N, C-alpha and C. Protein backbone atom coordinates (compact mmCIF):
# COMPACT_ATOMS: atom_id res chain seq x y z
N UNK A 1 0.42 -1.26 0.02
CA UNK A 1 0.19 0.35 0.13
C UNK A 1 0.78 1.34 0.30
N UNK A 2 1.68 1.80 1.05
CA UNK A 2 2.73 2.54 1.24
C UNK A 2 3.15 2.64 0.16
N UNK A 3 4.28 1.31 -1.04
CA UNK A 3 5.43 1.61 -1.72
C UNK A 3 4.32 2.45 -3.11
N UNK A 4 2.95 1.77 -3.25
CA UNK A 4 1.82 2.68 -4.22
C UNK A 4 1.74 3.40 -4.07
N UNK A 5 2.09 4.32 -2.67
CA UNK A 5 1.15 5.67 -2.72
C UNK A 5 2.82 6.48 -2.97
N UNK A 6 4.10 5.70 -2.51
CA UNK A 6 5.48 7.24 -2.96
C UNK A 6 6.04 6.63 -4.42
N UNK A 7 5.26 5.79 -5.16
CA UNK A 7 4.99 5.23 -6.63
C UNK A 7 4.80 6.98 -7.33
N UNK A 8 4.20 7.69 -7.04
CA UNK A 8 3.16 9.01 -7.23
C UNK A 8 4.75 10.08 -7.53
N UNK A 9 5.09 10.04 -6.40
CA UNK A 9 6.43 10.51 -6.23
C UNK A 9 7.68 10.63 -6.78
N UNK A 10 7.61 9.38 -7.82
CA UNK A 10 8.76 9.37 -9.06
C UNK A 10 8.66 9.47 -9.73
N UNK A 11 10.70 10.36 -10.39
CA UNK A 11 10.20 10.37 -11.66
C UNK A 11 10.44 9.39 -12.42
N UNK A 12 9.19 9.52 -13.48
CA UNK A 12 9.55 8.54 -15.23
C UNK A 12 11.16 7.79 -15.13
N UNK A 13 11.02 7.27 -15.64
CA UNK A 13 12.40 6.01 -15.62
C UNK A 13 13.42 7.06 -16.69
N UNK A 14 14.13 7.25 -16.99
CA UNK A 14 14.86 7.32 -18.54
C UNK A 14 14.33 6.95 -19.58
N UNK A 15 14.39 7.02 -20.43
CA UNK A 15 14.73 7.35 -21.90
C UNK A 15 15.92 6.51 -22.19
N UNK A 16 16.70 4.58 -22.49
CA UNK A 16 17.94 5.21 -22.48
C UNK A 16 18.01 4.06 -23.76
N UNK A 17 17.59 3.92 -24.63
CA UNK A 17 17.44 2.57 -25.37
C UNK A 17 15.95 3.03 -26.49
N UNK A 18 16.51 2.57 -27.78
CA UNK A 18 15.52 2.53 -28.83
C UNK A 18 13.96 1.99 -28.03
N UNK A 19 13.49 0.61 -27.48
CA UNK A 19 12.73 0.70 -27.64
C UNK A 19 11.78 1.76 -26.18
N UNK A 20 12.29 1.93 -25.24
CA UNK A 20 11.98 3.29 -24.40
C UNK A 20 11.26 4.61 -25.54
N UNK A 21 12.77 4.49 -26.74
CA UNK A 21 11.92 5.52 -27.17
C UNK A 21 11.06 5.74 -28.17
N UNK A 22 10.58 4.28 -28.56
CA UNK A 22 9.49 4.24 -29.65
C UNK A 22 8.45 4.12 -28.63
N UNK A 23 8.05 3.50 -27.75
CA UNK A 23 6.99 3.51 -26.56
C UNK A 23 6.31 4.88 -26.12
N UNK A 24 7.22 6.11 -25.94
CA UNK A 24 7.78 7.44 -25.52
C UNK A 24 6.54 8.13 -26.11
N UNK A 25 7.09 7.99 -28.08
CA UNK A 25 6.42 8.28 -29.23
C UNK A 25 5.36 8.08 -29.26
N UNK A 26 5.03 6.04 -29.12
CA UNK A 26 3.44 5.57 -29.35
C UNK A 26 2.69 6.23 -29.15
N UNK A 27 3.23 6.78 -27.36
CA UNK A 27 1.75 7.20 -25.84
C UNK A 27 1.83 8.65 -26.55
N UNK A 28 2.43 9.16 -27.04
CA UNK A 28 2.46 10.80 -26.68
C UNK A 28 2.20 11.03 -27.93
N UNK A 29 2.25 10.11 -29.02
CA UNK A 29 1.67 10.39 -30.78
C UNK A 29 -0.20 10.08 -30.02
N UNK A 30 -0.27 8.92 -29.46
CA UNK A 30 -1.78 8.79 -29.52
C UNK A 30 -2.71 9.78 -28.82
N UNK A 31 -1.52 10.47 -27.12
CA UNK A 31 -2.33 11.25 -26.43
C UNK A 31 -2.93 12.35 -27.35
N UNK A 32 -2.00 13.21 -27.55
CA UNK A 32 -1.78 14.03 -28.62
C UNK A 32 -2.51 14.55 -29.90
N UNK A 33 -3.19 13.76 -30.18
CA UNK A 33 -4.05 13.19 -30.88
C UNK A 33 -5.84 13.39 -30.18
N UNK A 34 -5.59 12.45 -29.44
CA UNK A 34 -6.89 11.45 -28.71
C UNK A 34 -7.54 12.92 -28.08
N UNK A 35 -6.33 13.71 -26.60
CA UNK A 35 -7.02 13.68 -26.78
C UNK A 35 -7.45 15.59 -26.84
N UNK A 36 -7.29 16.19 -27.77
CA UNK A 36 -7.58 17.36 -28.36
C UNK A 36 -8.77 17.22 -28.98
N UNK A 37 -8.72 15.24 -29.74
CA UNK A 37 -10.37 15.11 -30.55
C UNK A 37 -11.42 15.17 -29.04
N UNK A 38 -11.09 14.18 -28.01
CA UNK A 38 -12.21 14.41 -27.19
C UNK A 38 -12.29 15.25 -26.74
N UNK A 39 -11.71 16.48 -26.26
CA UNK A 39 -11.93 17.49 -25.48
C UNK A 39 -12.56 18.91 -26.07
N UNK A 40 -12.07 19.11 -27.76
CA UNK A 40 -12.64 19.58 -28.90
C UNK A 40 -14.12 19.16 -29.05
N UNK A 41 -14.48 17.55 -29.51
CA UNK A 41 -16.16 16.84 -29.64
C UNK A 41 -16.44 17.38 -27.96
N UNK A 42 -15.92 17.61 -26.67
CA UNK A 42 -17.27 17.80 -25.83
C UNK A 42 -17.90 19.12 -25.27
N UNK A 43 -16.53 19.73 -25.87
CA UNK A 43 -17.06 21.73 -26.10
C UNK A 43 -17.95 21.95 -27.53
N UNK A 44 -17.32 21.30 -28.31
CA UNK A 44 -18.40 21.78 -28.93
C UNK A 44 -19.56 21.04 -28.67
N UNK A 45 -19.95 20.01 -28.22
CA UNK A 45 -21.24 19.48 -27.97
C UNK A 45 -21.95 19.49 -26.45
N UNK A 46 -21.13 20.78 -25.98
CA UNK A 46 -21.55 21.27 -24.19
C UNK A 46 -22.73 20.29 -23.81
N UNK A 47 -23.05 20.94 -23.24
CA UNK A 47 -24.08 19.93 -22.59
C UNK A 47 -24.79 18.41 -22.66
N UNK A 48 -24.45 18.83 -24.78
CA UNK A 48 -25.42 16.99 -24.71
C UNK A 48 -24.04 15.92 -25.02
N UNK A 49 -22.92 16.67 -24.17
CA UNK A 49 -21.29 15.68 -24.86
C UNK A 49 -22.11 14.29 -24.29
N UNK A 50 -22.72 14.30 -23.54
CA UNK A 50 -22.65 12.74 -22.49
C UNK A 50 -23.82 11.76 -23.20
N UNK A 51 -24.98 12.78 -23.97
CA UNK A 51 -25.95 12.24 -25.22
C UNK A 51 -24.67 12.19 -26.23
N UNK A 52 -24.06 13.11 -27.25
CA UNK A 52 -23.16 12.29 -28.32
C UNK A 52 -22.73 11.48 -28.06
N UNK A 53 -21.67 11.37 -27.51
CA UNK A 53 -21.00 10.42 -27.20
C UNK A 53 -21.54 8.81 -26.22
N UNK A 54 -22.65 9.00 -26.27
CA UNK A 54 -23.31 7.19 -26.11
C UNK A 54 -24.23 6.97 -27.66
N UNK A 55 -24.05 8.25 -28.08
CA UNK A 55 -24.43 8.30 -29.80
C UNK A 55 -23.38 6.60 -31.27
N UNK A 56 -23.64 5.80 -31.40
CA UNK A 56 -23.50 4.67 -32.31
C UNK A 56 -22.06 5.67 -33.50
N UNK A 57 -23.39 6.36 -34.16
CA UNK A 57 -23.07 7.14 -35.23
C UNK A 57 -21.35 7.73 -34.78
N UNK A 58 -21.41 9.08 -33.13
CA UNK A 58 -20.80 9.52 -33.16
C UNK A 58 -19.10 8.70 -33.18
N UNK A 59 -19.67 7.95 -31.94
CA UNK A 59 -18.20 6.93 -31.35
C UNK A 59 -17.42 6.38 -33.18
N UNK A 60 -18.49 6.22 -34.14
CA UNK A 60 -17.38 5.67 -34.76
C UNK A 60 -17.12 6.76 -35.74
N UNK A 61 -17.22 7.45 -35.54
CA UNK A 61 -16.99 8.59 -36.34
C UNK A 61 -15.42 8.59 -35.42
N UNK A 62 -15.86 9.45 -33.88
CA UNK A 62 -14.40 9.41 -33.37
C UNK A 62 -13.34 8.02 -33.79
N UNK A 63 -14.07 6.80 -33.42
CA UNK A 63 -12.97 5.44 -33.42
C UNK A 63 -12.12 6.08 -35.02
N UNK A 64 -13.13 6.58 -36.28
CA UNK A 64 -11.71 7.03 -37.52
C UNK A 64 -10.95 8.10 -37.74
N UNK A 65 -11.39 9.26 -36.70
CA UNK A 65 -10.70 10.54 -37.00
C UNK A 65 -9.52 9.90 -35.21
N UNK A 66 -9.55 9.30 -34.55
CA UNK A 66 -8.10 8.35 -33.91
C UNK A 66 -7.49 7.98 -34.32
N UNK A 67 -8.24 7.46 -35.50
CA UNK A 67 -6.87 6.55 -36.48
C UNK A 67 -6.23 7.48 -37.55
N UNK A 68 -7.71 8.00 -38.32
CA UNK A 68 -6.54 9.06 -39.11
C UNK A 68 -5.34 10.18 -38.54
N UNK A 69 -5.53 9.79 -37.04
CA UNK A 69 -5.66 11.46 -36.52
C UNK A 69 -2.95 11.49 -36.21
N UNK A 70 -3.48 9.75 -36.15
CA UNK A 70 -2.77 9.15 -34.96
C UNK A 70 -0.97 9.71 -36.36
N UNK A 71 -1.47 9.11 -37.30
CA UNK A 71 -0.14 9.33 -38.02
C UNK A 71 1.28 10.77 -37.98
N UNK A 72 -0.17 11.62 -38.35
CA UNK A 72 -0.06 12.93 -37.66
C UNK A 72 0.86 13.30 -36.40
N UNK A 73 0.16 11.86 -35.37
CA UNK A 73 0.69 12.74 -34.09
C UNK A 73 2.39 11.72 -34.10
N UNK A 74 2.33 10.44 -35.24
CA UNK A 74 3.42 10.14 -34.92
C UNK A 74 4.78 11.45 -35.77
N UNK A 75 4.20 12.06 -35.87
CA UNK A 75 4.71 12.31 -37.34
C UNK A 75 5.52 13.59 -36.53
N UNK A 76 4.45 14.25 -35.29
CA UNK A 76 4.48 15.47 -35.10
C UNK A 76 6.00 15.18 -33.91
N UNK A 77 5.70 13.55 -33.18
CA UNK A 77 6.89 13.52 -31.50
C UNK A 77 7.42 13.11 -32.62
N UNK A 78 7.60 12.35 -33.30
CA UNK A 78 9.26 11.57 -34.27
C UNK A 78 9.79 13.13 -34.76
N UNK A 79 9.34 13.81 -34.85
CA UNK A 79 9.90 15.36 -35.11
C UNK A 79 10.65 15.94 -34.08
N UNK A 80 10.18 16.11 -33.00
CA UNK A 80 10.41 16.06 -31.88
C UNK A 80 11.54 15.00 -31.43
N UNK A 81 11.90 14.36 -31.38
CA UNK A 81 12.73 13.58 -30.30
C UNK A 81 13.15 13.47 -31.87
N UNK A 82 13.30 13.73 -32.76
CA UNK A 82 15.06 13.55 -33.57
C UNK A 82 15.47 14.74 -33.72
N UNK A 83 14.49 15.98 -33.49
CA UNK A 83 15.37 17.00 -32.89
C UNK A 83 15.98 16.95 -31.74
N UNK A 84 16.27 16.31 -30.41
CA UNK A 84 17.06 15.97 -29.63
C UNK A 84 18.14 14.79 -30.16
N UNK A 85 17.64 14.46 -30.88
CA UNK A 85 19.46 13.24 -31.00
C UNK A 85 20.22 14.04 -31.60
N UNK A 86 19.95 14.58 -33.01
CA UNK A 86 20.59 15.06 -33.96
C UNK A 86 21.94 15.42 -33.71
N UNK A 87 21.82 16.66 -32.37
CA UNK A 87 23.27 17.32 -31.36
C UNK A 87 24.52 15.62 -31.61
N UNK A 88 24.12 14.60 -31.07
CA UNK A 88 25.36 13.91 -30.75
C UNK A 88 24.63 12.91 -31.69
N UNK A 89 24.48 12.16 -33.53
CA UNK A 89 24.37 11.84 -34.30
C UNK A 89 26.80 11.30 -33.85
N UNK A 90 26.53 9.98 -33.51
CA UNK A 90 27.66 9.31 -34.31
C UNK A 90 27.68 8.71 -34.74
N UNK A 91 27.49 8.26 -35.75
CA UNK A 91 26.63 6.78 -37.19
C UNK A 91 27.26 8.50 -38.50
N UNK A 92 27.01 9.91 -37.84
CA UNK A 92 26.79 10.74 -39.02
C UNK A 92 25.16 11.04 -38.99
N UNK A 93 24.97 11.51 -39.69
CA UNK A 93 23.09 12.58 -39.30
C UNK A 93 22.65 11.95 -40.02
N UNK A 94 23.13 11.32 -41.84
CA UNK A 94 21.85 10.27 -42.52
C UNK A 94 21.81 9.12 -42.13
N UNK A 95 22.55 8.66 -41.86
CA UNK A 95 22.81 7.38 -41.01
C UNK A 95 21.75 7.41 -39.73
N UNK A 96 21.59 8.83 -39.13
CA UNK A 96 20.43 8.55 -37.87
C UNK A 96 19.36 8.42 -38.25
N UNK A 97 19.32 9.32 -39.19
CA UNK A 97 18.17 10.34 -39.63
C UNK A 97 17.25 9.02 -40.49
N UNK A 98 18.09 8.02 -40.98
CA UNK A 98 17.21 7.00 -41.61
C UNK A 98 16.64 5.43 -41.00
N UNK A 99 17.80 5.70 -39.86
CA UNK A 99 17.11 4.46 -38.76
C UNK A 99 15.96 4.97 -38.14
N UNK A 100 16.46 6.42 -37.88
CA UNK A 100 14.94 7.23 -37.03
C UNK A 100 13.89 6.50 -38.06
N UNK A 101 13.85 6.42 -39.13
CA UNK A 101 12.80 6.92 -39.59
C UNK A 101 12.45 5.47 -39.59
N UNK A 102 13.10 4.52 -39.18
CA UNK A 102 12.17 2.63 -39.76
C UNK A 102 12.21 2.40 -38.39
N UNK A 103 12.49 3.76 -37.02
CA UNK A 103 12.23 3.46 -36.34
C UNK A 103 10.51 3.43 -35.79
N UNK A 104 10.56 4.76 -36.35
CA UNK A 104 9.30 5.40 -36.12
C UNK A 104 7.93 4.54 -36.93
N UNK A 105 8.52 4.14 -38.01
CA UNK A 105 8.06 3.58 -38.70
C UNK A 105 6.78 2.46 -38.41
N UNK A 106 8.42 1.31 -37.59
CA UNK A 106 8.04 0.55 -36.48
C UNK A 106 7.21 0.59 -36.11
N UNK A 107 7.32 2.07 -35.23
CA UNK A 107 5.80 2.14 -34.12
C UNK A 107 4.55 2.11 -34.78
N UNK A 108 4.09 2.51 -36.58
CA UNK A 108 3.02 2.43 -37.08
C UNK A 108 2.70 1.27 -37.40
N UNK A 109 3.99 0.34 -37.69
CA UNK A 109 3.73 -0.88 -38.29
C UNK A 109 3.22 -1.78 -37.11
N UNK A 110 3.18 -1.38 -35.10
CA UNK A 110 3.22 -2.10 -34.20
C UNK A 110 1.47 -2.68 -34.02
N UNK A 111 0.41 -1.79 -35.42
CA UNK A 111 -0.90 -1.84 -35.20
C UNK A 111 -1.97 -2.21 -36.48
N UNK A 112 -2.31 -3.20 -36.45
CA UNK A 112 -3.01 -4.11 -37.61
C UNK A 112 -3.56 -3.26 -38.49
N UNK A 113 -4.48 -3.16 -39.31
CA UNK A 113 -5.19 -2.28 -39.95
C UNK A 113 -5.74 -1.64 -39.89
N UNK A 114 -6.60 -0.41 -39.11
CA UNK A 114 -8.34 0.17 -38.83
C UNK A 114 -9.46 -0.18 -39.45
N UNK A 115 -10.03 -0.93 -38.86
CA UNK A 115 -11.12 -1.71 -39.71
C UNK A 115 -12.21 0.11 -39.54
N UNK A 116 -11.89 1.03 -39.00
CA UNK A 116 -12.16 2.32 -38.97
C UNK A 116 -11.84 2.18 -40.19
N UNK A 117 -10.80 2.82 -41.21
CA UNK A 117 -10.40 3.39 -41.81
C UNK A 117 -10.15 2.27 -43.64
N UNK A 118 -9.95 1.60 -43.53
CA UNK A 118 -9.34 -0.39 -44.22
C UNK A 118 -7.43 0.11 -44.52
N UNK A 119 -7.57 -0.59 -45.65
CA UNK A 119 -6.19 -0.77 -46.12
C UNK A 119 -5.97 0.23 -46.64
N UNK A 120 -6.45 0.36 -48.26
CA UNK A 120 -5.39 1.80 -48.13
C UNK A 120 -5.66 2.85 -48.06
N UNK A 121 -6.25 3.13 -47.29
CA UNK A 121 -6.18 4.56 -46.39
C UNK A 121 -5.57 4.34 -45.54
N UNK A 122 -5.33 3.63 -44.46
CA UNK A 122 -4.31 3.49 -43.76
C UNK A 122 -2.11 3.10 -44.37
N UNK A 123 -2.50 1.77 -45.46
CA UNK A 123 -1.39 2.27 -46.77
C UNK A 123 -0.88 3.84 -47.08
N UNK A 124 -1.32 4.61 -47.23
CA UNK A 124 -1.23 5.45 -47.38
C UNK A 124 -0.98 6.55 -46.71
N UNK A 125 -2.00 6.65 -45.39
CA UNK A 125 -1.04 7.05 -44.36
C UNK A 125 0.57 6.84 -44.16
N UNK A 126 0.90 5.42 -44.18
CA UNK A 126 2.04 5.45 -43.64
C UNK A 126 3.29 6.11 -45.07
N UNK A 127 2.87 5.82 -46.06
CA UNK A 127 3.52 6.17 -47.29
C UNK A 127 3.85 7.61 -46.84
N UNK A 128 3.19 8.42 -46.32
CA UNK A 128 2.75 9.97 -45.68
C UNK A 128 3.58 9.74 -45.10
N UNK A 129 3.30 9.48 -44.11
CA UNK A 129 4.39 9.38 -42.37
C UNK A 129 5.91 8.99 -42.85
N UNK A 130 6.06 8.02 -44.43
CA UNK A 130 7.26 7.77 -43.95
C UNK A 130 7.89 9.30 -45.35
N UNK A 131 7.24 9.71 -45.99
CA UNK A 131 7.95 11.59 -46.15
C UNK A 131 7.64 12.12 -45.86
N UNK A 132 6.93 12.37 -44.71
CA UNK A 132 7.08 13.77 -43.66
C UNK A 132 8.65 12.88 -42.98
N UNK A 133 8.80 12.03 -42.35
CA UNK A 133 10.21 11.48 -41.12
C UNK A 133 11.35 12.13 -42.50
N UNK A 134 11.64 11.70 -43.62
CA UNK A 134 12.26 11.97 -45.08
C UNK A 134 12.44 13.31 -44.50
N UNK A 135 11.69 13.56 -44.79
CA UNK A 135 11.82 15.28 -44.49
C UNK A 135 12.54 16.41 -43.76
N UNK A 136 11.58 15.89 -42.66
CA UNK A 136 12.90 16.39 -41.60
C UNK A 136 14.20 16.41 -41.52
N UNK A 137 15.35 16.12 -42.53
CA UNK A 137 16.28 16.16 -42.73
C UNK A 137 16.87 17.41 -43.53
N UNK A 138 16.07 18.05 -44.29
CA UNK A 138 15.93 18.85 -45.23
C UNK A 138 15.97 20.90 -44.28
N UNK A 139 16.28 20.38 -43.71
CA UNK A 139 16.25 21.51 -42.53
C UNK A 139 15.96 21.58 -40.96
N UNK A 140 16.29 22.60 -40.06
CA UNK A 140 17.40 22.53 -38.60
C UNK A 140 16.03 22.11 -37.62
N UNK A 141 16.58 21.42 -36.99
CA UNK A 141 15.69 20.45 -35.46
C UNK A 141 14.40 22.39 -34.96
N UNK A 142 13.42 21.69 -35.38
CA UNK A 142 12.09 23.26 -34.98
C UNK A 142 11.99 23.52 -33.59
N UNK A 143 11.87 24.20 -32.97
CA UNK A 143 11.09 24.14 -31.53
C UNK A 143 9.43 23.16 -31.30
N UNK A 144 9.71 22.92 -30.57
CA UNK A 144 8.35 22.14 -30.38
C UNK A 144 7.58 23.18 -30.88
N UNK A 145 7.12 24.24 -29.65
CA UNK A 145 6.04 25.03 -30.17
C UNK A 145 5.92 25.17 -31.78
N UNK A 146 6.55 24.63 -32.64
CA UNK A 146 6.67 25.33 -34.09
C UNK A 146 6.20 23.99 -34.95
N UNK A 147 6.58 22.70 -34.51
CA UNK A 147 6.30 21.51 -34.86
C UNK A 147 4.74 21.41 -35.61
N UNK A 148 3.54 21.81 -34.78
CA UNK A 148 2.49 21.31 -35.11
C UNK A 148 2.16 22.34 -36.60
N UNK A 149 2.92 23.56 -36.73
CA UNK A 149 2.54 24.69 -37.59
C UNK A 149 1.86 23.80 -39.00
N UNK A 150 2.77 22.64 -39.63
CA UNK A 150 2.40 22.02 -41.28
C UNK A 150 1.04 21.00 -40.60
N UNK A 151 0.91 20.72 -39.38
CA UNK A 151 0.15 20.22 -39.74
C UNK A 151 -1.26 20.35 -38.81
N UNK A 152 -1.80 21.71 -38.41
CA UNK A 152 -2.34 21.61 -37.96
C UNK A 152 -4.22 21.61 -38.61
N UNK A 153 -4.16 21.65 -39.49
CA UNK A 153 -4.73 22.30 -41.00
C UNK A 153 -5.23 20.49 -40.63
N UNK A 154 -4.32 19.13 -41.47
CA UNK A 154 -4.82 17.64 -40.65
C UNK A 154 -5.53 17.44 -40.10
N UNK A 155 -4.72 18.18 -39.10
CA UNK A 155 -5.12 17.75 -37.51
C UNK A 155 -6.52 18.07 -37.81
N UNK A 156 -6.82 19.17 -37.90
CA UNK A 156 -8.54 19.85 -37.33
C UNK A 156 -9.39 19.43 -38.67
N UNK A 157 -9.01 19.05 -39.21
CA UNK A 157 -9.85 18.60 -40.47
C UNK A 157 -10.04 16.33 -39.95
N UNK A 158 -9.34 16.03 -39.20
CA UNK A 158 -10.08 15.03 -38.95
C UNK A 158 -11.47 15.14 -37.64
N UNK A 159 -11.61 16.15 -37.19
CA UNK A 159 -12.15 16.34 -36.08
C UNK A 159 -13.17 15.73 -36.75
N UNK A 160 -14.50 14.54 -35.68
CA UNK A 160 -15.75 14.55 -35.77
C UNK A 160 -16.70 14.80 -35.50
N UNK A 161 -16.24 16.04 -36.14
CA UNK A 161 -17.84 17.71 -35.86
C UNK A 161 -17.58 17.86 -37.25
N UNK A 162 -19.16 18.01 -37.50
CA UNK A 162 -19.58 18.85 -39.03
C UNK A 162 -18.53 20.42 -39.45
N UNK A 163 -18.39 20.29 -40.45
CA UNK A 163 -17.08 21.22 -40.34
C UNK A 163 -17.71 22.25 -40.95
N UNK A 164 -19.63 22.79 -40.71
CA UNK A 164 -19.42 24.19 -40.79
C UNK A 164 -20.09 24.41 -39.49
N UNK A 165 -19.51 23.12 -38.32
CA UNK A 165 -19.76 23.95 -37.07
C UNK A 165 -18.21 24.29 -36.00
N UNK A 166 -17.43 23.77 -37.14
CA UNK A 166 -16.19 24.03 -36.19
C UNK A 166 -15.61 25.39 -37.06
N UNK A 167 -15.27 25.90 -37.57
CA UNK A 167 -15.06 26.77 -39.04
C UNK A 167 -14.49 27.71 -38.17
N UNK A 168 -14.49 28.38 -37.22
CA UNK A 168 -13.94 29.27 -36.41
C UNK A 168 -13.25 28.80 -35.59
N UNK A 169 -12.68 27.73 -34.70
CA UNK A 169 -12.08 26.95 -33.82
C UNK A 169 -10.43 26.56 -34.61
N UNK A 170 -9.90 26.62 -35.79
CA UNK A 170 -8.47 26.50 -36.10
C UNK A 170 -7.66 27.05 -35.35
N UNK A 171 -8.25 28.13 -35.11
CA UNK A 171 -7.21 28.65 -33.61
C UNK A 171 -7.02 28.15 -32.73
N UNK A 172 -8.49 28.08 -32.06
CA UNK A 172 -8.05 26.72 -30.65
C UNK A 172 -6.99 25.75 -30.52
N UNK A 173 -7.44 25.07 -32.16
CA UNK A 173 -6.34 23.31 -32.10
C UNK A 173 -5.43 23.54 -32.51
N UNK A 174 -5.29 24.67 -33.23
CA UNK A 174 -3.74 24.93 -33.66
C UNK A 174 -2.87 25.05 -32.29
N UNK A 175 -3.04 26.39 -31.23
CA UNK A 175 -2.89 26.64 -29.96
C UNK A 175 -2.96 25.64 -29.01
N UNK A 176 -3.78 24.46 -29.22
CA UNK A 176 -4.00 23.58 -28.33
C UNK A 176 -2.54 22.43 -29.11
N UNK A 177 -2.32 22.22 -29.88
CA UNK A 177 -1.21 21.29 -30.72
C UNK A 177 0.06 21.92 -29.82
N UNK A 178 0.16 23.26 -30.05
CA UNK A 178 1.39 24.05 -29.53
C UNK A 178 1.72 23.86 -27.82
N UNK A 179 0.63 23.96 -27.52
CA UNK A 179 0.70 23.51 -25.86
C UNK A 179 1.59 22.22 -25.23
N UNK A 180 0.44 21.72 -26.20
CA UNK A 180 0.87 20.23 -25.66
C UNK A 180 2.13 19.82 -26.24
N UNK A 181 2.55 20.27 -27.61
CA UNK A 181 4.27 20.24 -27.88
C UNK A 181 4.91 20.02 -27.08
N UNK A 182 4.79 21.72 -26.53
CA UNK A 182 5.98 21.97 -25.78
C UNK A 182 5.57 20.85 -24.07
N UNK A 183 4.35 20.83 -23.87
CA UNK A 183 4.60 20.11 -22.44
C UNK A 183 5.65 18.35 -22.94
N UNK A 184 5.62 18.18 -24.06
CA UNK A 184 6.22 16.59 -24.05
C UNK A 184 7.44 17.07 -24.30
N UNK A 185 8.01 17.89 -24.71
CA UNK A 185 9.32 18.27 -25.95
C UNK A 185 9.78 18.14 -23.99
N UNK A 186 9.45 19.32 -23.27
CA UNK A 186 10.07 19.10 -21.78
C UNK A 186 9.66 17.93 -21.23
N UNK A 187 9.32 16.86 -21.22
CA UNK A 187 9.29 15.35 -20.32
C UNK A 187 10.25 14.88 -20.99
N UNK A 188 10.15 14.89 -22.63
CA UNK A 188 11.57 14.64 -23.29
C UNK A 188 13.01 14.89 -22.85
N UNK A 189 12.76 16.06 -22.82
CA UNK A 189 14.02 16.88 -22.11
C UNK A 189 14.51 16.41 -20.90
N UNK A 190 13.89 15.98 -20.26
CA UNK A 190 14.53 15.42 -18.86
C UNK A 190 14.91 14.23 -18.97
N UNK A 191 14.16 13.24 -19.67
CA UNK A 191 13.90 11.48 -19.30
C UNK A 191 15.06 11.51 -20.52
N UNK A 192 15.49 12.00 -21.52
CA UNK A 192 15.86 10.88 -22.39
C UNK A 192 17.73 10.99 -22.46
N UNK A 193 18.04 10.18 -23.11
CA UNK A 193 20.07 9.90 -22.56
C UNK A 193 19.47 9.96 -23.98
N UNK A 194 20.44 10.86 -24.52
CA UNK A 194 20.11 11.40 -26.35
C UNK A 194 21.77 10.67 -26.69
N UNK A 195 22.76 10.62 -26.04
CA UNK A 195 24.21 9.81 -26.61
C UNK A 195 23.83 8.34 -26.37
N UNK A 196 23.14 7.76 -25.46
CA UNK A 196 23.32 6.07 -26.01
C UNK A 196 22.03 5.71 -26.59
N UNK A 197 20.82 6.80 -26.73
CA UNK A 197 19.60 6.02 -27.64
C UNK A 197 20.50 6.60 -29.04
N UNK A 198 21.09 7.33 -29.46
CA UNK A 198 21.64 7.89 -30.98
C UNK A 198 22.82 6.52 -31.45
N UNK A 199 23.83 6.03 -30.36
CA UNK A 199 24.05 4.88 -30.52
C UNK A 199 23.74 3.66 -30.58
N UNK A 200 22.65 3.70 -30.12
CA UNK A 200 21.47 2.29 -29.86
C UNK A 200 21.31 2.34 -32.12
N UNK A 201 20.70 3.39 -32.51
CA UNK A 201 19.65 3.31 -33.78
C UNK A 201 20.80 2.88 -34.51
N UNK A 202 21.83 2.91 -34.79
CA UNK A 202 22.67 2.76 -35.64
C UNK A 202 23.52 1.08 -35.03
N UNK A 203 23.39 0.67 -34.71
CA UNK A 203 23.90 -0.84 -34.38
C UNK A 203 23.35 -2.02 -35.31
N UNK A 204 24.03 -2.42 -35.69
CA UNK A 204 23.97 -3.64 -36.32
C UNK A 204 22.62 -4.02 -36.26
N UNK A 205 22.17 -5.19 -37.14
CA UNK A 205 20.76 -5.38 -36.79
C UNK A 205 21.00 -6.63 -35.51
N UNK A 206 20.35 -6.72 -34.86
CA UNK A 206 20.04 -7.60 -33.02
C UNK A 206 20.67 -7.18 -32.23
N UNK A 207 21.39 -6.37 -32.34
CA UNK A 207 22.38 -5.91 -31.72
C UNK A 207 21.32 -4.56 -31.02
N UNK A 208 20.26 -3.99 -31.30
CA UNK A 208 20.09 -3.03 -30.45
C UNK A 208 18.72 -4.05 -29.47
N UNK A 209 18.24 -3.00 -28.79
CA UNK A 209 16.71 -3.40 -28.49
C UNK A 209 15.54 -3.36 -28.85
N UNK A 210 14.60 -3.95 -28.45
CA UNK A 210 13.19 -4.20 -29.38
C UNK A 210 12.21 -3.70 -28.99
N UNK A 211 11.13 -3.15 -29.49
CA UNK A 211 10.51 -2.55 -29.57
C UNK A 211 9.40 -3.15 -28.54
N UNK A 212 8.51 -2.91 -27.66
CA UNK A 212 7.84 -2.98 -26.85
C UNK A 212 6.27 -2.42 -27.07
N UNK A 213 5.57 -2.80 -27.58
CA UNK A 213 4.53 -2.78 -27.99
C UNK A 213 3.10 -1.94 -26.91
N UNK A 214 3.07 -0.90 -27.20
CA UNK A 214 1.74 -0.18 -26.65
C UNK A 214 0.73 0.19 -26.85
N UNK A 215 -0.99 -0.27 -26.61
CA UNK A 215 -1.61 0.10 -27.90
C UNK A 215 -2.52 1.48 -27.30
N UNK A 216 -2.79 1.85 -27.61
CA UNK A 216 -3.36 3.30 -27.90
C UNK A 216 -4.46 3.49 -27.07
N UNK A 217 -4.86 4.10 -25.59
CA UNK A 217 -6.10 4.41 -24.88
C UNK A 217 -6.80 5.47 -25.47
N UNK A 218 -7.74 5.76 -24.99
CA UNK A 218 -8.31 6.60 -25.22
C UNK A 218 -8.55 7.48 -24.63
N UNK A 219 -8.33 8.63 -24.77
CA UNK A 219 -7.92 10.17 -23.75
C UNK A 219 -9.40 11.02 -22.60
N UNK A 220 -9.56 10.80 -21.49
CA UNK A 220 -10.92 11.00 -21.10
C UNK A 220 -10.44 11.93 -20.96
């Protein structure tokens, strides 16, 4: 009992291997996109939120939104993490970027094709994620608050609310992404052992750690 009580005061463990980094990216990608979807939908529904979240049609729309937005979360959190690793690239910038791209795509591949989307849309989103990850190397690392800028409209378009009802809400969603990415950056900066993870990224196959599967949960 007392051990459980004191656990809440313990700092989260350091991220010292690629498996831990993959899990961090997975959890936070799911968190940033799902929290926004749920909170925005509740705010838009107002007093009718409880009724709305019991409607099968709306729940189906939320499920589709979650999976449409998840690759955007991977791209945002992935870019954030790559920016933390880049200064300590041990095997050269391009080699590390290529290995990091494989790492993030392996997180995407943890999940089977979502029934809410179907195989072709899911495959298209993987290809788009790969393209976005590849383009990270074309510019200097961005500030956490600036990373969502290129993703905000695409994320906003995934919201399970009719576009006529959300027309004026884009600035609020963009600000939500900016603030949340700053919070994720703060946590990552405290926990990441960048030299250790960078060294593992470019090790020969079989020499690194395994990636542990983390199932995204709905934000409450």
